[in-house]
Amino acid sequence: MIRRIWRSYTTPDKADAYEHLMETLMFPAIEGLKLPGYRNMELLRRVSDDEVEFIWVMTFENSKRLTPLRAEANDPVSVPRAAQDLLTRWDERASFYEMRQASPT
């Protein structure tokens, strides 16, 4: 399995609006693409004193199925204008990790 991980950051006063945008626009848009090998998505949130970090994790069966997401390390992430308006900064590129081990549930 492959995990695609992307980080973005916002201010505490815009964090709920950004999370809502992800829930109502970005997640449905990605799921609507019916990407080959797509398994699931998660949005993680971490609050610090002056900013909120979000980590978007997408899981795929294997790297051969990632072509629609431009899995090559040099391809920049496309951030919609609505998200840019809420963010203070974001990763220019997503990181891709091969899952090596998982403990049983």
N, C-alpha and C. Protein backbone atom coordinates (compact mmCIF):
# COMPACT_ATOMS: atom_id res chain seq x y z
N MET A 1 0.84 -1.17 0.00
CA MET A 1 0.00 0.00 0.00
C MET A 1 0.88 1.24 0.00
N ILE A 2 0.34 2.29 -0.56
CA ILE A 2 1.03 3.57 -0.63
C ILE A 2 0.19 4.62 0.09
N ARG A 3 0.86 5.46 0.85
CA ARG A 3 0.19 6.58 1.51
C ARG A 3 0.71 7.88 0.91
N ARG A 4 -0.21 8.72 0.48
CA ARG A 4 0.12 10.06 -0.03
C ARG A 4 -0.18 11.03 1.11
N ILE A 5 0.83 11.79 1.52
CA ILE A 5 0.68 12.67 2.68
C ILE A 5 0.98 14.10 2.26
N TRP A 6 0.08 15.01 2.65
CA TRP A 6 0.23 16.42 2.31
C TRP A 6 -0.16 17.27 3.51
N ARG A 7 0.66 18.27 3.80
CA ARG A 7 0.43 19.14 4.97
C ARG A 7 0.03 20.53 4.54
N SER A 8 -0.86 21.11 5.34
CA SER A 8 -1.27 22.50 5.13
C SER A 8 -1.48 23.14 6.51
N TYR A 9 -1.41 24.47 6.53
CA TYR A 9 -1.45 25.20 7.79
C TYR A 9 -2.36 26.42 7.65
N THR A 10 -3.06 26.72 8.74
CA THR A 10 -3.93 27.88 8.76
C THR A 10 -3.93 28.49 10.16
N THR A 11 -4.64 29.59 10.30
CA THR A 11 -4.77 30.24 11.60
C THR A 11 -5.94 29.61 12.35
N PRO A 12 -5.93 29.70 13.68
CA PRO A 12 -7.03 29.09 14.45
C PRO A 12 -8.42 29.60 14.03
N ASP A 13 -8.53 30.86 13.65
CA ASP A 13 -9.84 31.40 13.29
C ASP A 13 -10.34 30.90 11.93
N LYS A 14 -9.47 30.33 11.10
CA LYS A 14 -9.88 29.82 9.78
C LYS A 14 -9.89 28.29 9.72
N ALA A 15 -9.49 27.64 10.79
CA ALA A 15 -9.34 26.18 10.78
C ALA A 15 -10.66 25.45 10.54
N ASP A 16 -11.72 25.87 11.21
CA ASP A 16 -13.01 25.20 11.02
C ASP A 16 -13.52 25.37 9.58
N ALA A 17 -13.33 26.56 9.02
CA ALA A 17 -13.76 26.80 7.63
C ALA A 17 -12.96 25.94 6.66
N TYR A 18 -11.67 25.78 6.90
CA TYR A 18 -10.84 24.95 6.04
C TYR A 18 -11.26 23.48 6.16
N GLU A 19 -11.47 23.02 7.37
CA GLU A 19 -11.91 21.64 7.57
C GLU A 19 -13.25 21.40 6.87
N HIS A 20 -14.15 22.36 6.95
CA HIS A 20 -15.44 22.25 6.27
C HIS A 20 -15.25 22.18 4.75
N LEU A 21 -14.35 22.98 4.22
CA LEU A 21 -14.05 22.95 2.78
C LEU A 21 -13.54 21.58 2.36
N MET A 22 -12.66 21.01 3.16
CA MET A 22 -12.14 19.68 2.85
C MET A 22 -13.26 18.65 2.86
N GLU A 23 -14.12 18.73 3.86
CA GLU A 23 -15.20 17.76 4.02
C GLU A 23 -16.25 17.87 2.91
N THR A 24 -16.59 19.09 2.53
CA THR A 24 -17.70 19.27 1.59
C THR A 24 -17.28 19.44 0.13
N LEU A 25 -16.03 19.82 -0.11
CA LEU A 25 -15.59 20.04 -1.50
C LEU A 25 -14.49 19.07 -1.92
N MET A 26 -13.40 19.04 -1.18
CA MET A 26 -12.23 18.29 -1.62
C MET A 26 -12.43 16.77 -1.51
N PHE A 27 -12.90 16.28 -0.39
CA PHE A 27 -13.08 14.84 -0.26
C PHE A 27 -14.08 14.31 -1.29
N PRO A 28 -15.26 14.93 -1.44
CA PRO A 28 -16.19 14.43 -2.46
C PRO A 28 -15.63 14.52 -3.88
N ALA A 29 -14.86 15.57 -4.17
CA ALA A 29 -14.29 15.72 -5.51
C ALA A 29 -13.30 14.59 -5.81
N ILE A 30 -12.45 14.29 -4.85
CA ILE A 30 -11.47 13.21 -5.05
C ILE A 30 -12.19 11.86 -5.16
N GLU A 31 -13.14 11.61 -4.27
CA GLU A 31 -13.85 10.33 -4.33
C GLU A 31 -14.64 10.19 -5.63
N GLY A 32 -15.13 11.31 -6.16
CA GLY A 32 -15.86 11.28 -7.42
C GLY A 32 -15.00 10.93 -8.62
N LEU A 33 -13.69 11.07 -8.49
CA LEU A 33 -12.78 10.73 -9.59
C LEU A 33 -12.64 9.22 -9.79
N LYS A 34 -13.03 8.45 -8.77
CA LYS A 34 -12.92 6.99 -8.84
C LYS A 34 -11.51 6.58 -9.29
N LEU A 35 -10.50 7.09 -8.59
CA LEU A 35 -9.12 6.84 -8.94
C LEU A 35 -8.77 5.35 -8.80
N PRO A 36 -8.05 4.80 -9.77
CA PRO A 36 -7.66 3.40 -9.67
C PRO A 36 -6.80 3.16 -8.43
N GLY A 37 -7.12 2.13 -7.68
CA GLY A 37 -6.34 1.77 -6.51
C GLY A 37 -6.64 2.57 -5.26
N TYR A 38 -7.52 3.56 -5.36
CA TYR A 38 -7.85 4.39 -4.20
C TYR A 38 -8.54 3.55 -3.14
N ARG A 39 -8.12 3.74 -1.87
CA ARG A 39 -8.73 3.03 -0.75
C ARG A 39 -9.52 3.96 0.16
N ASN A 40 -8.84 5.01 0.68
CA ASN A 40 -9.54 5.92 1.60
C ASN A 40 -8.73 7.19 1.81
N MET A 41 -9.33 8.13 2.55
CA MET A 41 -8.70 9.39 2.91
C MET A 41 -8.92 9.64 4.39
N GLU A 42 -7.97 10.37 4.97
CA GLU A 42 -8.10 10.81 6.36
C GLU A 42 -7.62 12.26 6.43
N LEU A 43 -8.23 13.03 7.30
CA LEU A 43 -7.77 14.39 7.57
C LEU A 43 -7.43 14.47 9.05
N LEU A 44 -6.18 14.78 9.32
CA LEU A 44 -5.70 14.90 10.70
C LEU A 44 -5.54 16.38 11.02
N ARG A 45 -5.78 16.74 12.27
CA ARG A 45 -5.72 18.15 12.69
C ARG A 45 -4.93 18.25 13.99
N ARG A 46 -4.00 19.21 14.02
CA ARG A 46 -3.20 19.44 15.22
C ARG A 46 -3.15 20.94 15.49
N VAL A 47 -3.53 21.32 16.69
CA VAL A 47 -3.58 22.72 17.09
C VAL A 47 -2.34 23.07 17.89
N SER A 48 -1.69 24.16 17.53
CA SER A 48 -0.61 24.71 18.34
C SER A 48 -1.02 26.13 18.75
N ASP A 49 -0.13 26.86 19.36
CA ASP A 49 -0.48 28.18 19.88
C ASP A 49 -0.99 29.15 18.82
N ASP A 50 -0.30 29.22 17.68
CA ASP A 50 -0.64 30.26 16.71
C ASP A 50 -1.04 29.73 15.34
N GLU A 51 -1.09 28.41 15.15
CA GLU A 51 -1.53 27.87 13.88
C GLU A 51 -2.12 26.48 14.06
N VAL A 52 -2.81 26.05 13.02
CA VAL A 52 -3.41 24.72 13.00
C VAL A 52 -2.84 23.99 11.80
N GLU A 53 -2.32 22.79 12.05
CA GLU A 53 -1.76 21.97 10.98
C GLU A 53 -2.77 20.90 10.61
N PHE A 54 -2.93 20.71 9.30
CA PHE A 54 -3.76 19.63 8.78
C PHE A 54 -2.86 18.70 7.97
N ILE A 55 -3.08 17.41 8.13
CA ILE A 55 -2.39 16.41 7.33
C ILE A 55 -3.45 15.60 6.61
N TRP A 56 -3.35 15.60 5.30
CA TRP A 56 -4.28 14.87 4.45
C TRP A 56 -3.59 13.59 4.00
N VAL A 57 -4.14 12.44 4.38
CA VAL A 57 -3.56 11.15 4.04
C VAL A 57 -4.50 10.41 3.10
N MET A 58 -3.97 10.01 1.96
CA MET A 58 -4.73 9.18 1.03
C MET A 58 -4.03 7.84 0.92
N THR A 59 -4.80 6.76 0.89
CA THR A 59 -4.24 5.43 0.80
C THR A 59 -4.61 4.80 -0.54
N PHE A 60 -3.60 4.19 -1.18
CA PHE A 60 -3.76 3.52 -2.47
C PHE A 60 -3.19 2.11 -2.38
N GLU A 61 -3.68 1.24 -3.25
CA GLU A 61 -3.21 -0.14 -3.28
C GLU A 61 -1.72 -0.23 -3.59
N ASN A 62 -1.26 0.50 -4.61
CA ASN A 62 0.16 0.47 -4.97
C ASN A 62 0.53 1.69 -5.81
N SER A 63 1.80 1.93 -5.99
CA SER A 63 2.28 3.13 -6.67
C SER A 63 1.96 3.14 -8.16
N LYS A 64 1.76 1.99 -8.77
CA LYS A 64 1.46 1.93 -10.20
C LYS A 64 0.10 2.54 -10.52
N ARG A 65 -0.75 2.69 -9.52
CA ARG A 65 -2.10 3.19 -9.73
C ARG A 65 -2.21 4.69 -9.46
N LEU A 66 -1.11 5.39 -9.16
CA LEU A 66 -1.16 6.79 -8.74
C LEU A 66 -1.03 7.81 -9.87
N THR A 67 -0.91 7.40 -11.10
CA THR A 67 -0.68 8.33 -12.20
C THR A 67 -1.64 9.52 -12.22
N PRO A 68 -2.93 9.35 -11.97
CA PRO A 68 -3.82 10.54 -12.00
C PRO A 68 -3.47 11.59 -10.96
N LEU A 69 -2.74 11.25 -9.92
CA LEU A 69 -2.37 12.21 -8.88
C LEU A 69 -0.95 12.73 -9.07
N ARG A 70 -0.33 12.44 -10.19
CA ARG A 70 1.03 12.91 -10.45
C ARG A 70 1.96 12.50 -9.32
N ALA A 71 2.13 11.24 -9.14
CA ALA A 71 2.92 10.71 -8.02
C ALA A 71 4.41 11.00 -8.12
N GLU A 72 4.86 11.51 -9.25
CA GLU A 72 6.27 11.82 -9.36
C GLU A 72 6.62 12.91 -8.37
N ALA A 73 7.75 12.79 -7.73
CA ALA A 73 8.14 13.68 -6.63
C ALA A 73 8.26 15.14 -7.06
N ASN A 74 8.50 15.42 -8.32
CA ASN A 74 8.72 16.80 -8.75
C ASN A 74 7.45 17.55 -9.13
N ASP A 75 6.33 16.88 -9.19
CA ASP A 75 5.08 17.53 -9.59
C ASP A 75 4.45 18.26 -8.41
N PRO A 76 4.17 19.55 -8.58
CA PRO A 76 3.57 20.31 -7.48
C PRO A 76 2.10 19.94 -7.25
N VAL A 77 1.66 20.16 -6.03
CA VAL A 77 0.26 19.93 -5.65
C VAL A 77 -0.56 21.13 -6.13
N SER A 78 -1.73 20.85 -6.67
CA SER A 78 -2.64 21.91 -7.08
C SER A 78 -3.57 22.23 -5.91
N VAL A 79 -3.51 23.46 -5.41
CA VAL A 79 -4.33 23.88 -4.28
C VAL A 79 -5.40 24.84 -4.80
N PRO A 80 -6.68 24.48 -4.69
CA PRO A 80 -7.74 25.35 -5.19
C PRO A 80 -7.72 26.72 -4.51
N ARG A 81 -8.16 27.73 -5.22
CA ARG A 81 -8.17 29.11 -4.72
C ARG A 81 -8.93 29.21 -3.39
N ALA A 82 -10.05 28.51 -3.28
CA ALA A 82 -10.83 28.57 -2.03
C ALA A 82 -10.01 28.09 -0.84
N ALA A 83 -9.17 27.08 -1.04
CA ALA A 83 -8.30 26.60 0.03
C ALA A 83 -7.16 27.58 0.27
N GLN A 84 -6.57 28.11 -0.78
CA GLN A 84 -5.48 29.08 -0.64
C GLN A 84 -5.91 30.28 0.19
N ASP A 85 -7.15 30.69 0.02
CA ASP A 85 -7.66 31.85 0.76
C ASP A 85 -7.74 31.59 2.27
N LEU A 86 -7.79 30.33 2.66
CA LEU A 86 -7.90 29.98 4.07
C LEU A 86 -6.57 29.57 4.70
N LEU A 87 -5.59 29.26 3.87
CA LEU A 87 -4.32 28.73 4.36
C LEU A 87 -3.25 29.82 4.47
N THR A 88 -2.33 29.61 5.40
CA THR A 88 -1.17 30.49 5.52
C THR A 88 0.01 29.92 4.75
N ARG A 89 0.07 28.59 4.66
CA ARG A 89 1.14 27.92 3.92
C ARG A 89 0.75 26.47 3.71
N TRP A 90 1.45 25.81 2.79
CA TRP A 90 1.19 24.41 2.49
C TRP A 90 2.40 23.81 1.81
N ASP A 91 2.48 22.48 1.86
CA ASP A 91 3.55 21.77 1.16
C ASP A 91 3.37 21.97 -0.34
N GLU A 92 4.45 22.27 -1.01
CA GLU A 92 4.40 22.42 -2.47
C GLU A 92 4.21 21.06 -3.16
N ARG A 93 4.66 20.01 -2.50
CA ARG A 93 4.58 18.67 -3.06
C ARG A 93 4.09 17.69 -1.99
N ALA A 94 3.35 16.71 -2.42
CA ALA A 94 2.95 15.64 -1.51
C ALA A 94 4.10 14.66 -1.36
N SER A 95 4.10 13.94 -0.26
CA SER A 95 5.09 12.89 -0.03
C SER A 95 4.38 11.55 -0.15
N PHE A 96 5.09 10.58 -0.69
CA PHE A 96 4.53 9.25 -0.89
C PHE A 96 5.35 8.25 -0.09
N TYR A 97 4.65 7.41 0.69
CA TYR A 97 5.30 6.44 1.54
C TYR A 97 4.74 5.05 1.24
N GLU A 98 5.63 4.08 1.19
CA GLU A 98 5.21 2.70 1.05
C GLU A 98 4.98 2.14 2.45
N MET A 99 3.81 1.59 2.68
CA MET A 99 3.53 1.00 3.98
C MET A 99 4.29 -0.33 4.06
N ARG A 100 5.09 -0.45 5.08
CA ARG A 100 5.95 -1.64 5.22
C ARG A 100 5.39 -2.62 6.24
N GLN A 101 4.81 -2.11 7.32
CA GLN A 101 4.28 -2.99 8.35
C GLN A 101 3.06 -2.35 8.98
N ALA A 102 2.15 -3.17 9.43
CA ALA A 102 0.99 -2.70 10.18
C ALA A 102 0.67 -3.77 11.23
N SER A 103 0.27 -3.33 12.40
CA SER A 103 -0.10 -4.29 13.42
C SER A 103 -1.55 -4.69 13.20
N PRO A 104 -1.93 -5.88 13.59
CA PRO A 104 -3.32 -6.29 13.42
C PRO A 104 -4.25 -5.46 14.29
N THR A 105 -5.48 -5.32 13.85
CA THR A 105 -6.46 -4.55 14.61
C THR A 105 -7.20 -5.44 15.57
